Amino acid sequence: QQAYLNADETGPHTPGISAEAAKWLAEEAPVIGVGVETVGTDAGQAH
């Protein structure tokens, strides 16, 4: 759990997708969705 969430005083530090890329994937790309290996589809710092 600790290594997976990889959190410190600034919150989790896990990889993800930028806001610009997420908007493009939602509105322009032909895919129905995205899949990731992290606890959620957003990056740890996405808050």
All heavy atoms as atom14 arrays in JSON, in Angstrom:
{
  "sequence": "QQAYLNADETGPHTPGISAEAAKWLAEEAPVIGVGVETVGTDAGQAH",
  "atom14_mask": [
    [1, 1, 1, 1, 1, 1, 1, 1, 1, 0, 0, 0, 0, 0],
    [1, 1, 1, 1, 1, 1, 1, 1, 1, 0, 0, 0, 0, 0],
    [1, 1, 1, 1, 1, 0, 0, 0, 0, 0, 0, 0, 0, 0],
    [1, 1, 1, 1, 1, 1, 1, 1, 1, 1, 1, 1, 0, 0],
    [1, 1, 1, 1, 1, 1, 1, 1, 0, 0, 0, 0, 0, 0],
    [1, 1, 1, 1, 1, 1, 1, 1, 0, 0, 0, 0, 0, 0],
    [1, 1, 1, 1, 1, 0, 0, 0, 0, 0, 0, 0, 0, 0],
    [1, 1, 1, 1, 1, 1, 1, 1, 0, 0, 0, 0, 0, 0],
    [1, 1, 1, 1, 1, 1, 1, 1, 1, 0, 0, 0, 0, 0],
    [1, 1, 1, 1, 1, 1, 1, 0, 0, 0, 0, 0, 0, 0],
    [1, 1, 1, 1, 0, 0, 0, 0, 0, 0, 0, 0, 0, 0],
    [1, 1, 1, 1, 1, 1, 1, 0, 0, 0, 0, 0, 0, 0],
    [1, 1, 1, 1, 1, 1, 1, 1, 1, 1, 0, 0, 0, 0],
    [1, 1, 1, 1, 1, 1, 1, 0, 0, 0, 0, 0, 0, 0],
    [1, 1, 1, 1, 1, 1, 1, 0, 0, 0, 0, 0, 0, 0],
    [1, 1, 1, 1, 0, 0, 0, 0, 0, 0, 0, 0, 0, 0],
    [1, 1, 1, 1, 1, 1, 1, 1, 0, 0, 0, 0, 0, 0],
    [1, 1, 1, 1, 1, 1, 0, 0, 0, 0, 0, 0, 0, 0],
    [1, 1, 1, 1, 1, 0, 0, 0, 0, 0, 0, 0, 0, 0],
    [1, 1, 1, 1, 1, 1, 1, 1, 1, 0, 0, 0, 0, 0],
    [1, 1, 1, 1, 1, 0, 0, 0, 0, 0, 0, 0, 0, 0],
    [1, 1, 1, 1, 1, 0, 0, 0, 0, 0, 0, 0, 0, 0],
    [1, 1, 1, 1, 1, 1, 1, 1, 1, 0, 0, 0, 0, 0],
    [1, 1, 1, 1, 1, 1, 1, 1, 1, 1, 1, 1, 1, 1],
    [1, 1, 1, 1, 1, 1, 1, 1, 0, 0, 0, 0, 0, 0],
    [1, 1, 1, 1, 1, 0, 0, 0, 0, 0, 0, 0, 0, 0],
    [1, 1, 1, 1, 1, 1, 1, 1, 1, 0, 0, 0, 0, 0],
    [1, 1, 1, 1, 1, 1, 1, 1, 1, 0, 0, 0, 0, 0],
    [1, 1, 1, 1, 1, 0, 0, 0, 0, 0, 0, 0, 0, 0],
    [1, 1, 1, 1, 1, 1, 1, 0, 0, 0, 0, 0, 0, 0],
    [1, 1, 1, 1, 1, 1, 1, 0, 0, 0, 0, 0, 0, 0],
    [1, 1, 1, 1, 1, 1, 1, 1, 0, 0, 0, 0, 0, 0],
    [1, 1, 1, 1, 0, 0, 0, 0, 0, 0, 0, 0, 0, 0],
    [1, 1, 1, 1, 1, 1, 1, 0, 0, 0, 0, 0, 0, 0],
    [1, 1, 1, 1, 0, 0, 0, 0, 0, 0, 0, 0, 0, 0],
    [1, 1, 1, 1, 1, 1, 1, 0, 0, 0, 0, 0, 0, 0],
    [1, 1, 1, 1, 1, 1, 1, 1, 1, 0, 0, 0, 0, 0],
    [1, 1, 1, 1, 1, 1, 1, 0, 0, 0, 0, 0, 0, 0],
    [1, 1, 1, 1, 1, 1, 1, 0, 0, 0, 0, 0, 0, 0],
    [1, 1, 1, 1, 0, 0, 0, 0, 0, 0, 0, 0, 0, 0],
    [1, 1, 1, 1, 1, 1, 1, 0, 0, 0, 0, 0, 0, 0],
    [1, 1, 1, 1, 1, 1, 1, 1, 0, 0, 0, 0, 0, 0],
    [1, 1, 1, 1, 1, 0, 0, 0, 0, 0, 0, 0, 0, 0],
    [1, 1, 1, 1, 0, 0, 0, 0, 0, 0, 0, 0, 0, 0],
    [1, 1, 1, 1, 1, 1, 1, 1, 1, 0, 0, 0, 0, 0],
    [1, 1, 1, 1, 1, 0, 0, 0, 0, 0, 0, 0, 0, 0],
    [1, 1, 1, 1, 1, 1, 1, 1, 1, 1, 0, 0, 0, 0]
  ],
  "atom14_positions": [
    [[0.82, -1.21, 0.0], [0.0, 0.0, 0.0], [0.86, 1.27, 0.0], [0.6, 2.21, -0.76], [-0.93, -0.01, 1.22], [-1.65, 1.3, 1.49], [-3.02, 1.41, 0.84], [-3.5, 0.46, 0.22], [-3.63, 2.56, 0.97], [0.0, 0.0, 0.0], [0.0, 0.0, 0.0], [0.0, 0.0, 0.0], [0.0, 0.0, 0.0], [0.0, 0.0, 0.0]],
    [[1.87, 1.32, 0.84], [2.68, 2.53, 0.95], [3.44, 2.81, -0.34], [3.46, 3.95, -0.84], [3.64, 2.41, 2.13], [4.45, 3.68, 2.39], [5.29, 3.57, 3.66], [5.19, 2.6, 4.41], [6.12, 4.57, 3.91], [0.0, 0.0, 0.0], [0.0, 0.0, 0.0], [0.0, 0.0, 0.0], [0.0, 0.0, 0.0], [0.0, 0.0, 0.0]],
    [[4.08, 1.79, -0.89], [4.84, 1.97, -2.12], [3.92, 2.27, -3.3], [4.27, 3.03, -4.21], [5.68, 0.73, -2.41], [0.0, 0.0, 0.0], [0.0, 0.0, 0.0], [0.0, 0.0, 0.0], [0.0, 0.0, 0.0], [0.0, 0.0, 0.0], [0.0, 0.0, 0.0], [0.0, 0.0, 0.0], [0.0, 0.0, 0.0], [0.0, 0.0, 0.0]],
    [[2.74, 1.68, -3.28], [1.79, 1.84, -4.39], [1.24, 3.26, -4.44], [1.16, 3.88, -5.5], [0.66, 0.83, -4.23], [-0.2, 0.64, -5.45], [0.33, 0.14, -6.63], [-1.55, 0.94, -5.42], [-0.47, -0.05, -7.75], [-2.35, 0.75, -6.53], [-1.8, 0.25, -7.7], [-2.58, 0.07, -8.81], [0.0, 0.0, 0.0], [0.0, 0.0, 0.0]],
    [[0.87, 3.81, -3.29], [0.36, 5.18, -3.26], [1.49, 6.21, -3.32], [1.29, 7.32, -3.81], [-0.5, 5.4, -2.01], [-1.75, 4.53, -1.9], [-2.57, 4.94, -0.69], [-2.6, 4.58, -3.17], [0.0, 0.0, 0.0], [0.0, 0.0, 0.0], [0.0, 0.0, 0.0], [0.0, 0.0, 0.0], [0.0, 0.0, 0.0], [0.0, 0.0, 0.0]],
    [[2.66, 5.85, -2.77], [3.86, 6.69, -2.88], [3.59, 8.13, -2.47], [3.87, 9.08, -3.21], [4.4, 6.64, -4.32], [5.83, 7.12, -4.42], [6.63, 6.88, -3.53], [6.15, 7.8, -5.5], [0.0, 0.0, 0.0], [0.0, 0.0, 0.0], [0.0, 0.0, 0.0], [0.0, 0.0, 0.0], [0.0, 0.0, 0.0], [0.0, 0.0, 0.0]],
    [[3.05, 8.3, -1.27], [2.62, 9.62, -0.81], [3.62, 10.25, 0.15], [4.31, 9.55, 0.9], [1.25, 9.51, -0.15], [0.0, 0.0, 0.0], [0.0, 0.0, 0.0], [0.0, 0.0, 0.0], [0.0, 0.0, 0.0], [0.0, 0.0, 0.0], [0.0, 0.0, 0.0], [0.0, 0.0, 0.0], [0.0, 0.0, 0.0], [0.0, 0.0, 0.0]],
    [[3.67, 11.58, 0.12], [4.4, 12.35, 1.12], [3.52, 13.5, 1.56], [2.3, 13.48, 1.34], [5.75, 12.81, 0.58], [5.64, 13.71, -0.65], [4.53, 14.25, -0.91], [6.65, 13.89, -1.34], [0.0, 0.0, 0.0], [0.0, 0.0, 0.0], [0.0, 0.0, 0.0], [0.0, 0.0, 0.0], [0.0, 0.0, 0.0], [0.0, 0.0, 0.0]],
    [[4.1, 14.53, 2.15], [3.29, 15.63, 2.66], [2.58, 16.42, 1.56], [1.62, 17.15, 1.84], [4.16, 16.58, 3.5], [5.25, 17.3, 2.73], [6.52, 16.45, 2.52], [6.53, 15.29, 2.98], [7.47, 16.97, 1.9], [0.0, 0.0, 0.0], [0.0, 0.0, 0.0], [0.0, 0.0, 0.0], [0.0, 0.0, 0.0], [0.0, 0.0, 0.0]],
    [[3.0, 16.26, 0.32], [2.34, 16.95, -0.8], [1.31, 16.07, -1.5], [0.7, 16.5, -2.48], [3.37, 17.43, -1.83], [4.02, 16.3, -2.43], [4.4, 18.33, -1.17], [0.0, 0.0, 0.0], [0.0, 0.0, 0.0], [0.0, 0.0, 0.0], [0.0, 0.0, 0.0], [0.0, 0.0, 0.0], [0.0, 0.0, 0.0], [0.0, 0.0, 0.0]],
    [[1.12, 14.84, -1.0], [0.16, 13.93, -1.61], [0.84, 12.81, -2.36], [2.07, 12.67, -2.32], [0.0, 0.0, 0.0], [0.0, 0.0, 0.0], [0.0, 0.0, 0.0], [0.0, 0.0, 0.0], [0.0, 0.0, 0.0], [0.0, 0.0, 0.0], [0.0, 0.0, 0.0], [0.0, 0.0, 0.0], [0.0, 0.0, 0.0], [0.0, 0.0, 0.0]],
    [[0.05, 11.97, -3.06], [0.62, 10.84, -3.79], [1.48, 11.29, -4.97], [1.21, 12.33, -5.59], [-0.61, 10.07, -4.28], [-1.75, 10.59, -3.48], [-1.42, 12.01, -3.14], [0.0, 0.0, 0.0], [0.0, 0.0, 0.0], [0.0, 0.0, 0.0], [0.0, 0.0, 0.0], [0.0, 0.0, 0.0], [0.0, 0.0, 0.0], [0.0, 0.0, 0.0]],
    [[2.47, 10.48, -5.28], [3.31, 10.72, -6.45], [3.28, 9.47, -7.31], [4.05, 8.52, -7.11], [4.73, 11.08, -6.02], [4.81, 12.39, -5.32], [4.93, 13.59, -5.98], [4.7, 12.69, -3.99], [4.94, 14.58, -5.1], [4.79, 14.07, -3.89], [0.0, 0.0, 0.0], [0.0, 0.0, 0.0], [0.0, 0.0, 0.0], [0.0, 0.0, 0.0]],
    [[2.34, 9.44, -8.24], [2.18, 8.32, -9.16], [1.98, 8.86, -10.56], [1.47, 9.98, -10.74], [0.97, 7.44, -8.77], [-0.23, 8.24, -8.8], [1.14, 6.87, -7.36], [0.0, 0.0, 0.0], [0.0, 0.0, 0.0], [0.0, 0.0, 0.0], [0.0, 0.0, 0.0], [0.0, 0.0, 0.0], [0.0, 0.0, 0.0], [0.0, 0.0, 0.0]],
    [[2.37, 8.11, -11.59], [2.28, 8.61, -12.96], [0.84, 8.67, -13.45], [-0.07, 8.06, -12.88], [3.09, 7.58, -13.76], [2.98, 6.32, -12.95], [2.96, 6.77, -11.52], [0.0, 0.0, 0.0], [0.0, 0.0, 0.0], [0.0, 0.0, 0.0], [0.0, 0.0, 0.0], [0.0, 0.0, 0.0], [0.0, 0.0, 0.0], [0.0, 0.0, 0.0]],
    [[0.65, 9.41, -14.54], [-0.69, 9.53, -15.09], [-0.7, 10.23, -16.44], [0.26, 10.13, -17.21], [0.0, 0.0, 0.0], [0.0, 0.0, 0.0], [0.0, 0.0, 0.0], [0.0, 0.0, 0.0], [0.0, 0.0, 0.0], [0.0, 0.0, 0.0], [0.0, 0.0, 0.0], [0.0, 0.0, 0.0], [0.0, 0.0, 0.0], [0.0, 0.0, 0.0]],
    [[-1.78, 10.93, -16.69], [-2.03, 11.58, -17.98], [-2.24, 13.07, -17.74], [-2.93, 13.46, -16.8], [-3.26, 10.95, -18.65], [-3.01, 9.46, -18.92], [-3.62, 11.67, -19.95], [-4.22, 8.68, -19.39], [0.0, 0.0, 0.0], [0.0, 0.0, 0.0], [0.0, 0.0, 0.0], [0.0, 0.0, 0.0], [0.0, 0.0, 0.0], [0.0, 0.0, 0.0]],
    [[-1.64, 13.9, -18.58], [-1.78, 15.34, -18.4], [-3.22, 15.77, -18.68], [-3.99, 15.06, -19.34], [-0.84, 16.09, -19.34], [-1.3, 16.03, -20.68], [0.0, 0.0, 0.0], [0.0, 0.0, 0.0], [0.0, 0.0, 0.0], [0.0, 0.0, 0.0], [0.0, 0.0, 0.0], [0.0, 0.0, 0.0], [0.0, 0.0, 0.0], [0.0, 0.0, 0.0]],
    [[-3.58, 16.96, -18.19], [-4.93, 17.48, -18.43], [-5.19, 17.67, -19.92], [-6.27, 17.34, -20.42], [-5.11, 18.8, -17.68], [0.0, 0.0, 0.0], [0.0, 0.0, 0.0], [0.0, 0.0, 0.0], [0.0, 0.0, 0.0], [0.0, 0.0, 0.0], [0.0, 0.0, 0.0], [0.0, 0.0, 0.0], [0.0, 0.0, 0.0], [0.0, 0.0, 0.0]],
    [[-4.2, 18.16, -20.65], [-4.37, 18.37, -22.09], [-4.58, 17.05, -22.81], [-5.47, 16.93, -23.68], [-3.15, 19.09, -22.65], [-3.25, 19.39, -24.15], [-1.99, 20.03, -24.71], [-0.92, 19.91, -24.08], [-2.09, 20.64, -25.79], [0.0, 0.0, 0.0], [0.0, 0.0, 0.0], [0.0, 0.0, 0.0], [0.0, 0.0, 0.0], [0.0, 0.0, 0.0]],
    [[-3.79, 16.04, -22.44], [-3.93, 14.73, -23.09], [-5.25, 14.07, -22.71], [-5.9, 13.42, -23.55], [-2.76, 13.83, -22.72], [0.0, 0.0, 0.0], [0.0, 0.0, 0.0], [0.0, 0.0, 0.0], [0.0, 0.0, 0.0], [0.0, 0.0, 0.0], [0.0, 0.0, 0.0], [0.0, 0.0, 0.0], [0.0, 0.0, 0.0], [0.0, 0.0, 0.0]],
    [[-5.69, 14.23, -21.47], [-6.97, 13.66, -21.05], [-8.12, 14.27, -21.85], [-9.04, 13.57, -22.28], [-7.18, 13.88, -19.56], [0.0, 0.0, 0.0], [0.0, 0.0, 0.0], [0.0, 0.0, 0.0], [0.0, 0.0, 0.0], [0.0, 0.0, 0.0], [0.0, 0.0, 0.0], [0.0, 0.0, 0.0], [0.0, 0.0, 0.0], [0.0, 0.0, 0.0]],
    [[-8.07, 15.58, -22.05], [-9.12, 16.26, -22.84], [-9.12, 15.76, -24.28], [-10.18, 15.49, -24.87], [-8.9, 17.77, -22.8], [-10.01, 18.6, -23.41], [-9.74, 20.08, -23.17], [-10.95, 20.94, -23.53], [-11.22, 20.94, -24.98], [0.0, 0.0, 0.0], [0.0, 0.0, 0.0], [0.0, 0.0, 0.0], [0.0, 0.0, 0.0], [0.0, 0.0, 0.0]],
    [[-7.93, 15.58, -24.83], [-7.82, 15.1, -26.21], [-8.32, 13.66, -26.33], [-9.05, 13.33, -27.27], [-6.36, 15.19, -26.65], [-6.1, 14.67, -28.03], [-6.35, 15.3, -29.21], [-5.54, 13.4, -28.36], [-5.97, 14.5, -30.26], [-5.48, 13.33, -29.77], [-5.09, 12.32, -27.6], [-4.97, 12.22, -30.43], [-4.59, 11.22, -28.26], [-4.53, 11.17, -29.66]],
    [[-7.97, 12.81, -25.38], [-8.44, 11.43, -25.41], [-9.96, 11.36, -25.28], [-10.61, 10.51, -25.88], [-7.78, 10.63, -24.28], [-6.31, 10.31, -24.46], [-5.71, 9.78, -23.17], [-6.11, 9.3, -25.6], [0.0, 0.0, 0.0], [0.0, 0.0, 0.0], [0.0, 0.0, 0.0], [0.0, 0.0, 0.0], [0.0, 0.0, 0.0], [0.0, 0.0, 0.0]],
    [[-10.53, 12.26, -24.49], [-11.98, 12.28, -24.29], [-12.73, 12.81, -25.49], [-13.78, 12.28, -25.87], [-12.32, 13.12, -23.06], [0.0, 0.0, 0.0], [0.0, 0.0, 0.0], [0.0, 0.0, 0.0], [0.0, 0.0, 0.0], [0.0, 0.0, 0.0], [0.0, 0.0, 0.0], [0.0, 0.0, 0.0], [0.0, 0.0, 0.0], [0.0, 0.0, 0.0]],
    [[-12.2, 13.85, -26.11], [-12.97, 14.59, -27.12], [-12.57, 14.3, -28.56], [-13.38, 14.49, -29.47], [-12.84, 16.09, -26.85], [-13.4, 16.5, -25.49], [-13.22, 17.98, -25.19], [-12.63, 18.7, -26.04], [-13.66, 18.42, -24.11], [0.0, 0.0, 0.0], [0.0, 0.0, 0.0], [0.0, 0.0, 0.0], [0.0, 0.0, 0.0], [0.0, 0.0, 0.0]],
    [[-11.34, 13.83, -28.78], [-10.87, 13.67, -30.16], [-10.41, 12.26, -30.5], [-10.58, 11.81, -31.64], [-9.73, 14.66, -30.44], [-10.14, 16.13, -30.3], [-9.02, 17.07, -30.69], [-8.39, 16.84, -31.76], [-8.75, 18.01, -29.93], [0.0, 0.0, 0.0], [0.0, 0.0, 0.0], [0.0, 0.0, 0.0], [0.0, 0.0, 0.0], [0.0, 0.0, 0.0]],
    [[-9.81, 11.58, -29.56], [-9.29, 10.24, -29.84], [-10.44, 9.24, -30.0], [-11.5, 9.4, -29.39], [-8.36, 9.78, -28.72], [0.0, 0.0, 0.0], [0.0, 0.0, 0.0], [0.0, 0.0, 0.0], [0.0, 0.0, 0.0], [0.0, 0.0, 0.0], [0.0, 0.0, 0.0], [0.0, 0.0, 0.0], [0.0, 0.0, 0.0], [0.0, 0.0, 0.0]],
    [[-10.24, 8.18, -30.82], [-11.33, 7.24, -31.1], [-11.54, 6.17, -30.04], [-12.39, 5.31, -30.2], [-10.89, 6.61, -32.42], [-9.39, 6.62, -32.36], [-9.04, 7.9, -31.65], [0.0, 0.0, 0.0], [0.0, 0.0, 0.0], [0.0, 0.0, 0.0], [0.0, 0.0, 0.0], [0.0, 0.0, 0.0], [0.0, 0.0, 0.0], [0.0, 0.0, 0.0]],
    [[-10.77, 6.19, -28.96], [-10.85, 5.12, -27.95], [-12.09, 5.26, -27.08], [-12.67, 6.35, -26.96], [-9.59, 5.12, -27.05], [-8.36, 4.78, -27.87], [-9.4, 6.46, -26.34], [0.0, 0.0, 0.0], [0.0, 0.0, 0.0], [0.0, 0.0, 0.0], [0.0, 0.0, 0.0], [0.0, 0.0, 0.0], [0.0, 0.0, 0.0], [0.0, 0.0, 0.0]],
    [[-12.5, 4.14, -26.45], [-13.63, 4.18, -25.52], [-13.19, 4.39, -24.09], [-14.01, 4.62, -23.2], [-14.49, 2.9, -25.59], [-13.66, 1.65, -25.24], [-15.14, 2.75, -26.95], [-14.51, 0.41, -25.01], [0.0, 0.0, 0.0], [0.0, 0.0, 0.0], [0.0, 0.0, 0.0], [0.0, 0.0, 0.0], [0.0, 0.0, 0.0], [0.0, 0.0, 0.0]],
    [[-11.88, 4.29, -23.85], [-11.41, 4.5, -22.49], [-9.92, 4.26, -22.37], [-9.24, 3.91, -23.33], [0.0, 0.0, 0.0], [0.0, 0.0, 0.0], [0.0, 0.0, 0.0], [0.0, 0.0, 0.0], [0.0, 0.0, 0.0], [0.0, 0.0, 0.0], [0.0, 0.0, 0.0], [0.0, 0.0, 0.0], [0.0, 0.0, 0.0], [0.0, 0.0, 0.0]],
    [[-9.42, 4.48, -21.15], [-8.0, 4.27, -20.86], [-7.87, 3.29, -19.7], [-8.74, 3.2, -18.83], [-7.28, 5.59, -20.52], [-7.34, 6.55, -21.69], [-7.84, 6.22, -19.26], [0.0, 0.0, 0.0], [0.0, 0.0, 0.0], [0.0, 0.0, 0.0], [0.0, 0.0, 0.0], [0.0, 0.0, 0.0], [0.0, 0.0, 0.0], [0.0, 0.0, 0.0]],
    [[-6.77, 2.55, -19.71], [-6.47, 1.62, -18.63], [-5.08, 1.9, -18.08], [-4.15, 2.21, -18.84], [0.0, 0.0, 0.0], [0.0, 0.0, 0.0], [0.0, 0.0, 0.0], [0.0, 0.0, 0.0], [0.0, 0.0, 0.0], [0.0, 0.0, 0.0], [0.0, 0.0, 0.0], [0.0, 0.0, 0.0], [0.0, 0.0, 0.0], [0.0, 0.0, 0.0]],
    [[-4.93, 1.81, -16.75], [-3.67, 2.15, -16.09], [-3.33, 1.1, -15.04], [-4.17, 0.28, -14.66], [-3.76, 3.54, -15.43], [-4.04, 4.62, -16.48], [-4.83, 3.56, -14.34], [0.0, 0.0, 0.0], [0.0, 0.0, 0.0], [0.0, 0.0, 0.0], [0.0, 0.0, 0.0], [0.0, 0.0, 0.0], [0.0, 0.0, 0.0], [0.0, 0.0, 0.0]],
    [[-2.1, 1.17, -14.54], [-1.65, 0.24, -13.5], [-1.73, 0.84, -12.1], [-1.48, 0.15, -11.12], [-0.2, -0.17, -13.79], [-0.04, -0.95, -15.08], [1.41, -1.11, -15.49], [2.22, -0.18, -15.26], [1.75, -2.17, -16.03], [0.0, 0.0, 0.0], [0.0, 0.0, 0.0], [0.0, 0.0, 0.0], [0.0, 0.0, 0.0], [0.0, 0.0, 0.0]],
    [[-2.07, 2.11, -12.0], [-2.12, 2.82, -10.73], [-3.5, 2.69, -10.09], [-4.42, 2.12, -10.67], [-1.75, 4.28, -10.94], [-2.47, 4.8, -12.08], [-0.26, 4.44, -11.2], [0.0, 0.0, 0.0], [0.0, 0.0, 0.0], [0.0, 0.0, 0.0], [0.0, 0.0, 0.0], [0.0, 0.0, 0.0], [0.0, 0.0, 0.0], [0.0, 0.0, 0.0]],
    [[-3.66, 3.27, -8.89], [-4.89, 3.09, -8.11], [-6.09, 3.78, -8.76], [-7.23, 3.41, -8.51], [-4.68, 3.59, -6.66], [-4.63, 5.11, -6.62], [-5.73, 3.03, -5.72], [0.0, 0.0, 0.0], [0.0, 0.0, 0.0], [0.0, 0.0, 0.0], [0.0, 0.0, 0.0], [0.0, 0.0, 0.0], [0.0, 0.0, 0.0], [0.0, 0.0, 0.0]],
    [[-5.84, 4.78, -9.59], [-6.91, 5.46, -10.32], [-6.38, 5.93, -11.65], [-5.16, 5.89, -11.91], [0.0, 0.0, 0.0], [0.0, 0.0, 0.0], [0.0, 0.0, 0.0], [0.0, 0.0, 0.0], [0.0, 0.0, 0.0], [0.0, 0.0, 0.0], [0.0, 0.0, 0.0], [0.0, 0.0, 0.0], [0.0, 0.0, 0.0], [0.0, 0.0, 0.0]],
    [[-7.26, 6.37, -12.53], [-6.83, 6.79, -13.86], [-6.04, 8.08, -13.84], [-5.29, 8.37, -14.77], [-8.03, 6.95, -14.81], [-9.0, 7.82, -14.21], [-8.66, 5.61, -15.12], [0.0, 0.0, 0.0], [0.0, 0.0, 0.0], [0.0, 0.0, 0.0], [0.0, 0.0, 0.0], [0.0, 0.0, 0.0], [0.0, 0.0, 0.0], [0.0, 0.0, 0.0]],
    [[-6.19, 8.89, -12.78], [-5.47, 10.15, -12.7], [-4.14, 10.01, -11.99], [-3.96, 9.13, -11.13], [-6.33, 11.2, -11.99], [-7.28, 11.9, -12.94], [-6.78, 12.59, -13.86], [-8.5, 11.77, -12.79], [0.0, 0.0, 0.0], [0.0, 0.0, 0.0], [0.0, 0.0, 0.0], [0.0, 0.0, 0.0], [0.0, 0.0, 0.0], [0.0, 0.0, 0.0]],
    [[-3.23, 10.91, -12.31], [-1.93, 10.97, -11.64], [-2.11, 11.31, -10.16], [-3.11, 11.9, -9.75], [-1.06, 12.02, -12.31], [0.0, 0.0, 0.0], [0.0, 0.0, 0.0], [0.0, 0.0, 0.0], [0.0, 0.0, 0.0], [0.0, 0.0, 0.0], [0.0, 0.0, 0.0], [0.0, 0.0, 0.0], [0.0, 0.0, 0.0], [0.0, 0.0, 0.0]],
    [[-1.1, 10.97, -9.36], [-1.18, 11.23, -7.94], [-1.35, 12.69, -7.59], [-2.0, 13.03, -6.61], [0.0, 0.0, 0.0], [0.0, 0.0, 0.0], [0.0, 0.0, 0.0], [0.0, 0.0, 0.0], [0.0, 0.0, 0.0], [0.0, 0.0, 0.0], [0.0, 0.0, 0.0], [0.0, 0.0, 0.0], [0.0, 0.0, 0.0], [0.0, 0.0, 0.0]],
    [[-0.76, 13.57, -8.4], [-0.82, 15.01, -8.14], [-1.97, 15.69, -8.88], [-2.05, 16.93, -8.91], [0.5, 15.66, -8.52], [1.66, 15.26, -7.6], [1.5, 15.87, -6.22], [1.49, 17.08, -6.04], [1.37, 15.01, -5.21], [0.0, 0.0, 0.0], [0.0, 0.0, 0.0], [0.0, 0.0, 0.0], [0.0, 0.0, 0.0], [0.0, 0.0, 0.0]],
    [[-2.9, 14.91, -9.43], [-3.97, 15.47, -10.27], [-4.96, 16.33, -9.49], [-5.74, 17.07, -10.1], [-4.71, 14.35, -11.0], [0.0, 0.0, 0.0], [0.0, 0.0, 0.0], [0.0, 0.0, 0.0], [0.0, 0.0, 0.0], [0.0, 0.0, 0.0], [0.0, 0.0, 0.0], [0.0, 0.0, 0.0], [0.0, 0.0, 0.0], [0.0, 0.0, 0.0]],
    [[-4.92, 16.28, -8.16], [-5.78, 17.17, -7.38], [-5.43, 18.63, -7.62], [-6.26, 19.51, -7.4], [-5.67, 16.84, -5.89], [-4.27, 16.9, -5.36], [-3.7, 18.06, -4.89], [-3.32, 15.93, -5.23], [-2.46, 17.82, -4.49], [-2.2, 16.52, -4.69], [0.0, 0.0, 0.0], [0.0, 0.0, 0.0], [0.0, 0.0, 0.0], [0.0, 0.0, 0.0]]
  ]
}
